[in-house]
């Protein structure tokens, strides 16, 4: 199946070529060296107050690669490409392509025609959960690389601020302490950039592992960004019923439970229920009460009295079948509600984050007009640019969390276990989530 996956990838033009027939467990196959790019050198030269005069300082303006305001305009027209990013030619890897490649390498998950209904149901659930993992890793990889570009922009803005601080210190307008604060800010931005690169690399490798790729084939080209939010969120009406109907194993358990219940005499069922109630009551009455606790703690299973049980094992089998079917149905209903709540909250947060980004862009445009009218300083403009970049990054993370929540919801509706709210939805791990500097 690995050969089929390679042929699919090569035919689609998604990644560079790889010799067909090679196996990932062959150490003799030549593979590219792991990619790594060091951080740009920091602007940390010593600068003494009054070192240069105004004339010589103005002469040094031309030595900088881009002017203070020109660099912001240039960056808006030329989004940065993170250094060290694995280059690849061809079409970006779509989510559909990712699922196709991943499944082509996992033929062990496929069903067969002679499977029993229960075996087929379990196979269906396994595929749904595997595809969910592919969805999640693809979403996280695309978002991580998009976020890396935003952090790269923030780092470049810090570089500009440090250049300006260095120049102002040399001509005596700034003290050494203010320059040091800017240099510390640049150093912190460098740490953020290194962490973002690692996050992007880890997310990419997680996707590559899920796809089952290696060697040259692992040089995937990912989309520049995740899809935009839908105009309206999915309606929640009927989701519980749809999940119950589509769950692969619930229908089998429900049929077994109903068959066992109907085959049980009414008196037999009543005797079992009465014995169960007596056993539970006795367990509660005899359970020890710890100091400071609210209720008795049951430390052993309630015991059914044999003399109160109906003859045979039909009642026990029926009780077990009904309990298993009911427990699964309750879990499905609860997980659907939780997944849908996460989906709607993530949608609202992503909407607010995109609105904040739009407002920050308008604020920077207004700041630019005021700067051109000499009503605002270069520092005000740089601060506005940093705020825009940070809010753009927050919007990327919020959109990622929405699509993860959407994938979770769809998987639960198809029969997978709800994985819970993603850690990324709780804390993005970067200060941009709070919009701080």
Foldseek 3Di string as FASTA:
>chain_A
DLLVLLVLCVVQQFFDHDDRPDDPPDPVDDFDDQWDDAFDDAPDDDAAAQQDAPVVLVVCQVVDPAHLVRVVVVCVVPQDQDPRQQDGDGDAQDLVNLLVLLVVVPVVLDDDPPDDLVVVLVSLQVSLVLSLLLLLLLLQLLLLNLLLSLLVLLLVLLRSVLVVLRSCRNNRNDDPVVSVVSSVVNVVSSVVNVVSVVSNVVSLVSSCVSSVDDGRRSSGHHDNADDDDDPDDDDPPPLLVLLCVQNSCLVVLVVQLVVLVVVDDPVQLVLVVVQVVVQVVVQQVPADDDPPDDGGDRDDDRDGDPVSHDPDCSNVSNVVSVVVSVVVSVQLNVLLVQLVVQLVVLSVQLVVLVVQLVVLVVVLVVVVVCVVVVNDDSVVNSVSSSLNSLSVSLSSLSVSQNSSSVSQNVSSSNHYHRPDRDPSVVPVPDCSNVSDD
